[in-house]
Amino acid sequence: MANKLDPMDLKQILTLHLDGYSNRKIGSVLGISRNTVNTYMQLFAGQRLLIQGASGF
């Protein structure tokens, strides 16, 4: 089973994205792969969380 990110990591992904960081830079800052960031960004976009911003947590 794959490791899952905790809610704080998810909030950090959203916060860094809203601050203008690229997915590659977010992965580097958080120590996760760019593909992991891409996957979560797609999930956020599918759930419209990016429109609400990080305040949804």
Protein backbone atom coordinates (compact mmCIF):
# COMPACT_ATOMS: atom_id res chain seq x y z
CA MET A 1 0.00 0.00 0.00
CA ALA A 2 1.30 3.43 -0.88
CA ASN A 3 2.06 6.00 1.79
CA LYS A 4 -0.51 8.74 2.15
CA LEU A 5 0.12 12.34 3.04
CA ASP A 6 -1.35 13.71 6.22
CA PRO A 7 -3.73 16.69 6.16
CA MET A 8 -0.93 19.12 7.07
CA ASP A 9 1.07 18.06 4.00
CA LEU A 10 -2.00 18.53 1.83
CA LYS A 11 -2.50 22.01 3.26
CA GLN A 12 1.15 22.81 2.54
CA ILE A 13 0.75 21.68 -1.07
CA LEU A 14 -2.24 24.00 -1.50
CA THR A 15 -0.55 26.90 0.28
CA LEU A 16 2.62 26.64 -1.79
CA HIS A 17 0.57 26.35 -4.99
CA LEU A 18 -1.43 29.46 -4.10
CA ASP A 19 1.88 31.22 -3.37
CA GLY A 20 2.91 30.53 -6.97
CA TYR A 21 5.28 27.59 -6.52
CA SER A 22 5.57 25.10 -9.37
CA ASN A 23 4.73 21.46 -8.73
CA ARG A 24 8.42 20.62 -9.09
CA LYS A 25 9.37 23.22 -6.45
CA ILE A 26 6.57 22.07 -4.11
CA GLY A 27 7.89 18.51 -4.34
CA SER A 28 11.40 19.69 -3.63
CA VAL A 29 10.36 21.78 -0.62
CA LEU A 30 8.23 19.01 0.91
CA GLY A 31 10.57 16.15 0.00
CA ILE A 32 8.01 14.32 -2.14
CA SER A 33 8.03 13.49 -5.83
CA ARG A 34 6.69 15.87 -8.43
CA ASN A 35 4.33 13.12 -9.59
CA THR A 36 2.84 12.93 -6.10
CA VAL A 37 2.25 16.68 -6.17
CA ASN A 38 0.72 16.39 -9.65
CA THR A 39 -1.62 13.65 -8.46
CA TYR A 40 -2.85 15.64 -5.47
CA MET A 41 -3.22 18.81 -7.56
CA GLN A 42 -5.45 16.89 -9.97
CA LEU A 43 -7.51 15.59 -7.06
CA PHE A 44 -7.83 19.10 -5.61
CA ALA A 45 -8.88 20.51 -8.98
CA GLY A 46 -11.43 17.71 -9.39
CA GLN A 47 -12.90 18.58 -6.02
CA ARG A 48 -12.70 22.32 -6.66
CA LEU A 49 -10.57 22.84 -3.54
CA LEU A 50 -8.24 25.22 -5.34
CA ILE A 51 -11.05 27.70 -5.84
CA GLN A 52 -11.72 27.75 -2.11
CA GLY A 53 -8.02 27.94 -1.30
CA ALA A 54 -6.32 26.52 1.73
CA SER A 55 -9.11 27.75 4.04
CA GLY A 56 -11.02 24.55 3.30
CA PHE A 57 -8.89 22.70 5.85
